Amino acid sequence: MYERFWEKVSPEPNSGCWLWVGAANHLGYGQLWNGTKVIIATHFSWEYHNGPIPDGLWALHKCDTPPCVNPRHLFIGNCS
């Protein structure tokens, strides 16, 4: 699964974003099949690089770029 993740990542040199070039939902967030279900690529990236996301929280963007999966551009927080 990790290899498939990297196949869908395209670094953007000006912003530092790692743009997801695979499937995306209607809001522009990347989607990845984990063999059982579709997961958000941003969440996969956070967990891959930093560990589990606590229940009730989300991986959110500092860069406000939905397809970005760069863990340095993400933080854990509440959507409300």
C-alpha atoms as a PDB file:
ATOM      1  CA  MET A   1       0.000   0.000   0.000  1.00  0.00           C
ATOM      2  CA  TYR A   2       2.876   2.365   0.764  1.00  0.00           C
ATOM      3  CA  GLU A   3       4.280   1.916  -2.726  1.00  0.00           C
ATOM      4  CA  ARG A   4       0.870   2.762  -4.244  1.00  0.00           C
ATOM      5  CA  PHE A   5       0.751   5.878  -2.041  1.00  0.00           C
ATOM      6  CA  TRP A   6       4.091   7.157  -3.388  1.00  0.00           C
ATOM      7  CA  GLU A   7       3.048   6.412  -6.988  1.00  0.00           C
ATOM      8  CA  LYS A   8       0.226   8.956  -6.585  1.00  0.00           C
ATOM      9  CA  VAL A   9       2.292  11.761  -4.988  1.00  0.00           C
ATOM     10  CA  SER A  10       3.712  14.612  -7.089  1.00  0.00           C
ATOM     11  CA  PRO A  11       5.826  17.182  -5.201  1.00  0.00           C
ATOM     12  CA  GLU A  12       5.076  20.793  -6.137  1.00  0.00           C
ATOM     13  CA  PRO A  13       8.376  22.720  -5.853  1.00  0.00           C
ATOM     14  CA  ASN A  14       7.028  26.227  -5.233  1.00  0.00           C
ATOM     15  CA  SER A  15       4.608  25.525  -2.382  1.00  0.00           C
ATOM     16  CA  GLY A  16       6.202  22.397  -0.947  1.00  0.00           C
ATOM     17  CA  CYS A  17       2.873  20.599  -1.290  1.00  0.00           C
ATOM     18  CA  TRP A  18       2.875  16.931  -2.176  1.00  0.00           C
ATOM     19  CA  LEU A  19      -0.060  16.829  -4.554  1.00  0.00           C
ATOM     20  CA  TRP A  20      -2.187  13.705  -4.724  1.00  0.00           C
ATOM     21  CA  VAL A  21      -2.670  12.801  -8.390  1.00  0.00           C
ATOM     22  CA  GLY A  22      -4.825   9.712  -7.832  1.00  0.00           C
ATOM     23  CA  ALA A  23      -8.562   9.446  -7.293  1.00  0.00           C
ATOM     24  CA  ALA A  24     -10.232  12.262  -5.378  1.00  0.00           C
ATOM     25  CA  ASN A  25     -13.615  12.915  -3.811  1.00  0.00           C
ATOM     26  CA  HIS A  26     -15.966  15.733  -4.820  1.00  0.00           C
ATOM     27  CA  LEU A  27     -14.102  18.157  -2.507  1.00  0.00           C
ATOM     28  CA  GLY A  28     -10.703  17.436  -4.058  1.00  0.00           C
ATOM     29  CA  TYR A  29      -9.323  15.289  -1.227  1.00  0.00           C
ATOM     30  CA  GLY A  30      -7.348  12.280  -2.402  1.00  0.00           C
ATOM     31  CA  GLN A  31      -8.751   8.810  -1.897  1.00  0.00           C
ATOM     32  CA  LEU A  32      -6.867   5.555  -1.462  1.00  0.00           C
ATOM     33  CA  TRP A  33      -8.155   1.975  -1.336  1.00  0.00           C
ATOM     34  CA  ASN A  34      -6.602   0.086   1.587  1.00  0.00           C
ATOM     35  CA  GLY A  35      -7.913  -3.298   0.474  1.00  0.00           C
ATOM     36  CA  THR A  36     -11.037  -3.045   2.612  1.00  0.00           C
ATOM     37  CA  LYS A  37     -12.351   0.497   2.233  1.00  0.00           C
ATOM     38  CA  VAL A  38     -11.634   3.895   0.728  1.00  0.00           C
ATOM     39  CA  ILE A  39      -9.641   6.190   2.997  1.00  0.00           C
ATOM     40  CA  ILE A  40      -8.674   9.837   2.653  1.00  0.00           C
ATOM     41  CA  ALA A  41      -5.078  10.137   1.368  1.00  0.00           C
ATOM     42  CA  THR A  42      -4.384  13.008   3.791  1.00  0.00           C
ATOM     43  CA  HIS A  43      -5.279  10.784   6.746  1.00  0.00           C
ATOM     44  CA  PHE A  44      -3.194   7.934   5.358  1.00  0.00           C
ATOM     45  CA  SER A  45      -0.206  10.268   4.989  1.00  0.00           C
ATOM     46  CA  TRP A  46      -0.539  11.575   8.546  1.00  0.00           C
ATOM     47  CA  GLU A  47      -0.764   8.086  10.013  1.00  0.00           C
ATOM     48  CA  TYR A  48       2.060   6.771   7.818  1.00  0.00           C
ATOM     49  CA  HIS A  49       4.406   9.544   8.943  1.00  0.00           C
ATOM     50  CA  ASN A  50       3.168  10.332  12.473  1.00  0.00           C
ATOM     51  CA  GLY A  51       0.992   7.561  13.856  1.00  0.00           C
ATOM     52  CA  PRO A  52      -2.731   7.196  14.531  1.00  0.00           C
ATOM     53  CA  ILE A  53      -5.184  10.068  14.488  1.00  0.00           C
ATOM     54  CA  PRO A  54      -7.135  10.157  17.769  1.00  0.00           C
ATOM     55  CA  ASP A  55     -10.856   9.390  17.553  1.00  0.00           C
ATOM     56  CA  GLY A  56     -12.957  12.426  16.733  1.00  0.00           C
ATOM     57  CA  LEU A  57     -10.077  14.386  15.205  1.00  0.00           C
ATOM     58  CA  TRP A  58      -8.945  14.951  11.611  1.00  0.00           C
ATOM     59  CA  ALA A  59      -5.776  15.602   9.647  1.00  0.00           C
ATOM     60  CA  LEU A  60      -6.219  19.224   8.564  1.00  0.00           C
ATOM     61  CA  HIS A  61      -4.230  21.393   6.133  1.00  0.00           C
ATOM     62  CA  LYS A  62      -2.087  24.389   7.038  1.00  0.00           C
ATOM     63  CA  CYS A  63      -1.749  25.049   3.302  1.00  0.00           C
ATOM     64  CA  ASP A  64      -5.510  24.906   2.509  1.00  0.00           C
ATOM     65  CA  THR A  65      -4.773  22.660  -0.483  1.00  0.00           C
ATOM     66  CA  PRO A  66      -7.106  19.621  -0.401  1.00  0.00           C
ATOM     67  CA  PRO A  67      -4.924  17.333  -2.570  1.00  0.00           C
ATOM     68  CA  CYS A  68      -1.799  18.014  -0.455  1.00  0.00           C
ATOM     69  CA  VAL A  69      -0.510  14.989   1.484  1.00  0.00           C
ATOM     70  CA  ASN A  70       2.739  16.510   2.800  1.00  0.00           C
ATOM     71  CA  PRO A  71       2.762  15.656   6.522  1.00  0.00           C
ATOM     72  CA  ARG A  72       4.582  18.940   7.257  1.00  0.00           C
ATOM     73  CA  HIS A  73       1.514  20.765   5.899  1.00  0.00           C
ATOM     74  CA  LEU A  74      -0.878  18.832   8.146  1.00  0.00           C
ATOM     75  CA  PHE A  75      -1.958  19.125  11.763  1.00  0.00           C
ATOM     76  CA  ILE A  76      -4.462  17.279  13.901  1.00  0.00           C
ATOM     77  CA  GLY A  77      -7.582  19.152  14.942  1.00  0.00           C
ATOM     78  CA  ASN A  78     -11.339  19.394  15.025  1.00  0.00           C
ATOM     79  CA  CYS A  79     -13.324  20.397  11.951  1.00  0.00           C
ATOM     80  CA  SER A  80     -15.733  22.611  13.838  1.00  0.00           C
END
